[in-house]
């Protein structure tokens, strides 16, 4: 479970500079998914964290990023490999624009 979540989120974080040109807004499209799907176990609240992995901090998340892993995990048919992305619409968002997550967590574009 942890590995799937890590790879899902971190692989997405690796290519954020394309987010603006692809029409993906981090605050509108990405942050709500992270908040709904990831932050409970991988956010700032130590009492609910499953691991030491923090996905609410770009710096912490970037330490374990494996570029390119996200797409293969989202599209995998193997339930042990596939990440839980939620709805089909969310899955399509990630496969069309995985770059959105490497945006700074404070919403600034990385150059």
N, C-alpha and C. Protein backbone atom coordinates (compact mmCIF):
# COMPACT_ATOMS: atom_id res chain seq x y z
N UNK A 1 0.83 -1.19 0.00
CA UNK A 1 0.00 0.00 0.00
C UNK A 1 0.87 1.26 0.00
N UNK A 2 1.84 1.33 0.87
CA UNK A 2 2.69 2.51 0.97
C UNK A 2 3.44 2.74 -0.33
N UNK A 3 4.01 1.69 -0.88
CA UNK A 3 4.78 1.83 -2.12
C UNK A 3 3.91 2.35 -3.25
N UNK A 4 2.69 1.86 -3.34
CA UNK A 4 1.79 2.32 -4.41
C UNK A 4 1.49 3.80 -4.26
N UNK A 5 1.20 4.22 -3.06
CA UNK A 5 0.89 5.63 -2.83
C UNK A 5 2.11 6.49 -3.11
N UNK A 6 3.26 6.04 -2.64
CA UNK A 6 4.50 6.78 -2.87
C UNK A 6 4.76 6.94 -4.35
N UNK A 7 4.74 5.83 -5.07
CA UNK A 7 5.03 5.90 -6.49
C UNK A 7 4.01 6.73 -7.24
N UNK A 8 2.76 6.59 -6.89
CA UNK A 8 1.70 7.37 -7.53
C UNK A 8 1.96 8.86 -7.39
N UNK A 9 2.13 9.29 -6.19
CA UNK A 9 2.28 10.72 -5.94
C UNK A 9 3.61 11.25 -6.40
N UNK A 10 4.65 10.54 -6.12
CA UNK A 10 5.98 11.05 -6.42
C UNK A 10 6.32 11.05 -7.89
N UNK A 11 5.86 10.06 -8.59
CA UNK A 11 6.12 10.06 -10.03
C UNK A 11 5.42 11.24 -10.69
N UNK A 12 4.26 11.56 -10.18
CA UNK A 12 3.53 12.72 -10.70
C UNK A 12 4.31 13.99 -10.43
N UNK A 13 4.95 14.05 -9.31
CA UNK A 13 5.67 15.26 -8.91
C UNK A 13 6.87 15.58 -9.78
N UNK A 14 7.34 14.66 -10.58
CA UNK A 14 8.60 14.85 -11.29
C UNK A 14 8.55 15.73 -12.52
N UNK A 15 7.39 16.00 -13.05
CA UNK A 15 7.33 16.73 -14.32
C UNK A 15 6.38 17.92 -14.30
N UNK A 16 6.43 18.71 -13.28
CA UNK A 16 5.43 19.76 -13.07
C UNK A 16 5.52 20.96 -14.00
N UNK A 17 6.62 21.21 -14.58
CA UNK A 17 6.72 22.42 -15.39
C UNK A 17 5.76 22.44 -16.56
N UNK A 18 5.27 21.30 -16.98
CA UNK A 18 4.30 21.25 -18.07
C UNK A 18 2.89 21.57 -17.59
N UNK A 19 2.67 21.63 -16.32
CA UNK A 19 1.32 21.79 -15.78
C UNK A 19 0.61 23.03 -16.32
N UNK A 20 1.30 24.14 -16.33
CA UNK A 20 0.66 25.37 -16.79
C UNK A 20 0.30 25.29 -18.26
N UNK A 21 1.21 24.79 -19.08
CA UNK A 21 0.95 24.73 -20.51
C UNK A 21 -0.13 23.72 -20.86
N UNK A 22 -0.40 22.77 -20.00
CA UNK A 22 -1.40 21.75 -20.27
C UNK A 22 -2.76 22.11 -19.67
N UNK A 23 -2.87 23.28 -19.09
CA UNK A 23 -4.14 23.71 -18.55
C UNK A 23 -4.51 23.09 -17.21
N UNK A 24 -3.55 22.54 -16.51
CA UNK A 24 -3.80 21.96 -15.20
C UNK A 24 -3.45 22.99 -14.14
N UNK A 25 -4.38 23.25 -13.28
CA UNK A 25 -4.15 24.17 -12.18
C UNK A 25 -3.94 23.34 -10.92
N UNK A 26 -2.81 23.55 -10.28
CA UNK A 26 -2.47 22.74 -9.10
C UNK A 26 -3.51 22.88 -8.01
N UNK A 27 -3.89 24.10 -7.71
CA UNK A 27 -4.85 24.29 -6.62
C UNK A 27 -6.23 23.76 -6.96
N UNK A 28 -6.63 23.83 -8.22
CA UNK A 28 -7.95 23.36 -8.63
C UNK A 28 -7.97 21.86 -8.92
N UNK A 29 -6.94 21.33 -9.60
CA UNK A 29 -6.96 19.95 -10.08
C UNK A 29 -6.17 18.96 -9.24
N UNK A 30 -5.10 19.39 -8.64
CA UNK A 30 -4.18 18.46 -7.99
C UNK A 30 -4.33 18.44 -6.47
N UNK A 31 -4.26 19.61 -5.87
CA UNK A 31 -4.30 19.67 -4.41
C UNK A 31 -5.54 18.99 -3.81
N UNK A 32 -6.73 19.13 -4.40
CA UNK A 32 -7.89 18.43 -3.84
C UNK A 32 -7.74 16.90 -3.86
N UNK A 33 -7.12 16.38 -4.90
CA UNK A 33 -6.91 14.93 -4.96
C UNK A 33 -5.92 14.50 -3.89
N UNK A 34 -4.83 15.23 -3.75
CA UNK A 34 -3.87 14.91 -2.69
C UNK A 34 -4.54 14.99 -1.33
N UNK A 35 -5.32 16.02 -1.13
CA UNK A 35 -6.00 16.19 0.14
C UNK A 35 -6.97 15.05 0.43
N UNK A 36 -7.75 14.67 -0.57
CA UNK A 36 -8.74 13.60 -0.39
C UNK A 36 -8.13 12.21 -0.30
N UNK A 37 -7.06 11.97 -1.04
CA UNK A 37 -6.55 10.60 -1.18
C UNK A 37 -5.25 10.33 -0.42
N UNK A 38 -4.50 11.37 -0.10
CA UNK A 38 -3.14 11.12 0.40
C UNK A 38 -2.83 11.72 1.77
N UNK A 39 -3.33 12.91 2.04
CA UNK A 39 -2.88 13.64 3.21
C UNK A 39 -3.25 13.02 4.55
N UNK A 40 -4.31 12.24 4.61
CA UNK A 40 -4.67 11.64 5.89
C UNK A 40 -3.52 10.78 6.40
N UNK A 41 -2.96 9.95 5.53
CA UNK A 41 -1.87 9.06 5.94
C UNK A 41 -0.49 9.67 5.69
N UNK A 42 -0.41 10.65 4.81
CA UNK A 42 0.89 11.20 4.42
C UNK A 42 0.90 12.72 4.50
N UNK A 43 0.23 13.27 5.49
CA UNK A 43 0.16 14.71 5.67
C UNK A 43 0.84 15.16 6.94
N UNK A 44 0.55 16.37 7.38
CA UNK A 44 1.25 16.96 8.51
C UNK A 44 0.85 16.42 9.89
N UNK A 45 -0.30 15.77 10.00
CA UNK A 45 -0.77 15.30 11.31
C UNK A 45 -0.08 14.00 11.69
N UNK A 46 0.87 14.08 12.60
CA UNK A 46 1.64 12.91 13.03
C UNK A 46 0.76 11.79 13.59
N UNK A 47 -0.36 12.14 14.17
CA UNK A 47 -1.21 11.12 14.80
C UNK A 47 -1.91 10.22 13.78
N UNK A 48 -2.01 10.66 12.53
CA UNK A 48 -2.68 9.83 11.51
C UNK A 48 -1.72 9.30 10.46
N UNK A 49 -0.46 9.66 10.53
CA UNK A 49 0.50 9.21 9.52
C UNK A 49 0.74 7.71 9.62
N UNK A 50 0.71 7.04 8.46
CA UNK A 50 1.03 5.62 8.41
C UNK A 50 2.53 5.40 8.35
N UNK A 51 3.24 6.33 7.75
CA UNK A 51 4.69 6.24 7.60
C UNK A 51 5.28 7.63 7.79
N UNK A 52 6.58 7.72 7.64
CA UNK A 52 7.23 9.03 7.72
C UNK A 52 7.14 9.80 6.42
N UNK A 53 6.56 9.19 5.39
CA UNK A 53 6.44 9.85 4.09
C UNK A 53 5.44 11.00 4.17
N UNK A 54 5.89 12.19 3.82
CA UNK A 54 5.03 13.36 3.80
C UNK A 54 4.82 13.78 2.36
N UNK A 55 3.57 13.90 1.95
CA UNK A 55 3.25 14.33 0.59
C UNK A 55 2.72 15.75 0.55
N UNK A 56 2.64 16.39 1.69
CA UNK A 56 2.20 17.77 1.74
C UNK A 56 3.39 18.72 1.61
N UNK A 57 4.57 18.18 1.55
CA UNK A 57 5.80 18.95 1.41
C UNK A 57 6.53 18.49 0.15
N UNK A 58 6.78 19.41 -0.76
CA UNK A 58 7.48 19.06 -1.99
C UNK A 58 8.86 18.48 -1.68
N UNK A 59 9.56 19.08 -0.75
CA UNK A 59 10.91 18.62 -0.43
C UNK A 59 10.90 17.19 0.09
N UNK A 60 9.98 16.88 0.99
CA UNK A 60 9.90 15.53 1.54
C UNK A 60 9.51 14.52 0.46
N UNK A 61 8.55 14.89 -0.36
CA UNK A 61 8.09 13.98 -1.41
C UNK A 61 9.18 13.76 -2.45
N UNK A 62 9.91 14.80 -2.79
CA UNK A 62 10.93 14.70 -3.83
C UNK A 62 12.06 13.74 -3.46
N UNK A 63 12.25 13.48 -2.18
CA UNK A 63 13.31 12.57 -1.75
C UNK A 63 13.10 11.14 -2.24
N UNK A 64 11.87 10.76 -2.50
CA UNK A 64 11.60 9.37 -2.90
C UNK A 64 10.94 9.26 -4.28
N UNK A 65 11.02 10.31 -5.06
CA UNK A 65 10.41 10.30 -6.40
C UNK A 65 11.17 9.35 -7.33
N UNK A 66 10.41 8.58 -8.09
CA UNK A 66 10.96 7.78 -9.18
C UNK A 66 10.24 8.21 -10.45
N UNK A 67 10.89 9.06 -11.25
CA UNK A 67 10.23 9.57 -12.45
C UNK A 67 9.72 8.45 -13.35
N UNK A 68 8.55 8.66 -13.91
CA UNK A 68 7.99 7.71 -14.85
C UNK A 68 7.22 6.55 -14.25
N UNK A 69 7.36 6.34 -12.97
CA UNK A 69 6.71 5.20 -12.32
C UNK A 69 5.20 5.39 -12.20
N UNK A 70 4.76 6.61 -12.09
CA UNK A 70 3.34 6.88 -11.87
C UNK A 70 2.45 6.31 -12.96
N UNK A 71 2.76 6.62 -14.20
CA UNK A 71 1.89 6.21 -15.29
C UNK A 71 1.75 4.70 -15.32
N UNK A 72 2.86 3.98 -15.18
CA UNK A 72 2.77 2.51 -15.22
C UNK A 72 1.96 1.98 -14.05
N UNK A 73 2.01 2.63 -12.91
CA UNK A 73 1.24 2.17 -11.75
C UNK A 73 -0.24 2.53 -11.88
N UNK A 74 -0.54 3.65 -12.47
CA UNK A 74 -1.94 4.03 -12.67
C UNK A 74 -2.60 3.09 -13.67
N UNK A 75 -1.88 2.75 -14.72
CA UNK A 75 -2.44 1.94 -15.79
C UNK A 75 -2.34 0.44 -15.56
N UNK A 76 -1.64 0.03 -14.52
CA UNK A 76 -1.45 -1.40 -14.26
C UNK A 76 -2.77 -2.10 -13.95
N UNK A 77 -2.87 -3.35 -14.41
CA UNK A 77 -4.01 -4.19 -14.08
C UNK A 77 -3.76 -5.00 -12.81
N UNK A 78 -2.53 -4.99 -12.32
CA UNK A 78 -2.16 -5.74 -11.13
C UNK A 78 -2.55 -4.93 -9.89
N UNK A 79 -3.47 -5.43 -9.07
CA UNK A 79 -3.90 -4.67 -7.89
C UNK A 79 -2.79 -4.46 -6.87
N UNK A 80 -1.73 -5.26 -6.91
CA UNK A 80 -0.62 -5.06 -5.99
C UNK A 80 0.30 -3.94 -6.45
N UNK A 81 0.19 -3.55 -7.69
CA UNK A 81 1.03 -2.50 -8.26
C UNK A 81 0.25 -1.20 -8.42
N UNK A 82 -0.99 -1.31 -8.82
CA UNK A 82 -1.81 -0.15 -9.15
C UNK A 82 -2.07 0.73 -7.92
N UNK A 83 -1.98 2.02 -8.13
CA UNK A 83 -2.31 2.97 -7.07
C UNK A 83 -3.81 3.23 -7.08
N UNK A 84 -4.31 3.63 -5.94
CA UNK A 84 -5.73 3.99 -5.85
C UNK A 84 -5.87 5.44 -6.27
N UNK A 85 -6.37 5.66 -7.46
CA UNK A 85 -6.50 7.02 -7.96
C UNK A 85 -7.91 7.55 -7.87
N UNK A 86 -8.83 6.74 -7.45
CA UNK A 86 -10.20 7.21 -7.34
C UNK A 86 -10.96 7.00 -8.62
N UNK A 87 -11.67 8.01 -9.04
CA UNK A 87 -12.55 7.90 -10.19
C UNK A 87 -11.77 7.83 -11.50
N UNK A 88 -12.46 7.40 -12.53
CA UNK A 88 -11.86 7.36 -13.86
C UNK A 88 -11.42 8.75 -14.29
N UNK A 89 -12.20 9.77 -13.95
CA UNK A 89 -11.81 11.13 -14.31
C UNK A 89 -10.47 11.51 -13.70
N UNK A 90 -10.25 11.13 -12.44
CA UNK A 90 -8.97 11.41 -11.80
C UNK A 90 -7.86 10.63 -12.48
N UNK A 91 -8.13 9.38 -12.81
CA UNK A 91 -7.13 8.55 -13.48
C UNK A 91 -6.75 9.17 -14.83
N UNK A 92 -7.73 9.66 -15.56
CA UNK A 92 -7.45 10.32 -16.83
C UNK A 92 -6.66 11.60 -16.62
N UNK A 93 -6.96 12.34 -15.57
CA UNK A 93 -6.21 13.56 -15.28
C UNK A 93 -4.74 13.23 -15.08
N UNK A 94 -4.46 12.22 -14.28
CA UNK A 94 -3.06 11.88 -13.99
C UNK A 94 -2.33 11.38 -15.23
N UNK A 95 -2.99 10.61 -16.07
CA UNK A 95 -2.31 10.08 -17.24
C UNK A 95 -2.13 11.14 -18.31
N UNK A 96 -3.02 12.11 -18.36
CA UNK A 96 -2.86 13.21 -19.32
C UNK A 96 -1.84 14.22 -18.85
N UNK A 97 -1.76 14.47 -17.58
CA UNK A 97 -0.89 15.52 -17.08
C UNK A 97 -0.28 15.16 -15.74
N UNK A 98 0.61 14.20 -15.71
CA UNK A 98 1.23 13.83 -14.43
C UNK A 98 2.16 14.90 -13.90
N UNK A 99 2.44 15.89 -14.72
CA UNK A 99 3.39 16.91 -14.33
C UNK A 99 2.88 17.85 -13.25
N UNK A 100 1.61 17.90 -13.04
CA UNK A 100 1.03 18.91 -12.16
C UNK A 100 1.53 18.84 -10.74
N UNK A 101 1.87 17.68 -10.25
CA UNK A 101 2.22 17.56 -8.84
C UNK A 101 3.58 18.09 -8.45
N UNK A 102 4.50 18.22 -9.38
CA UNK A 102 5.81 18.71 -8.99
C UNK A 102 5.81 20.23 -8.86
N UNK A 103 4.67 20.80 -9.09
CA UNK A 103 4.47 22.20 -8.80
C UNK A 103 4.83 22.40 -7.34
N UNK A 104 5.35 23.54 -7.02
CA UNK A 104 5.61 23.81 -5.60
C UNK A 104 4.33 23.64 -4.81
N UNK A 105 4.43 23.09 -3.64
CA UNK A 105 3.26 22.86 -2.81
C UNK A 105 2.61 24.18 -2.39
N UNK A 106 3.34 25.27 -2.49
CA UNK A 106 2.74 26.57 -2.18
C UNK A 106 2.14 27.22 -3.42
N UNK A 107 2.11 26.49 -4.54
CA UNK A 107 1.44 26.97 -5.74
C UNK A 107 2.30 27.75 -6.71
N UNK A 108 3.59 27.89 -6.44
CA UNK A 108 4.46 28.61 -7.36
C UNK A 108 5.02 27.66 -8.40
N UNK A 109 5.17 28.16 -9.60
CA UNK A 109 5.71 27.34 -10.68
C UNK A 109 7.21 27.18 -10.51
N UNK A 110 7.69 25.97 -10.71
CA UNK A 110 9.13 25.69 -10.67
C UNK A 110 9.71 26.04 -12.02
N UNK A 111 10.86 26.66 -12.04
CA UNK A 111 11.48 26.97 -13.32
C UNK A 111 12.75 26.18 -13.50
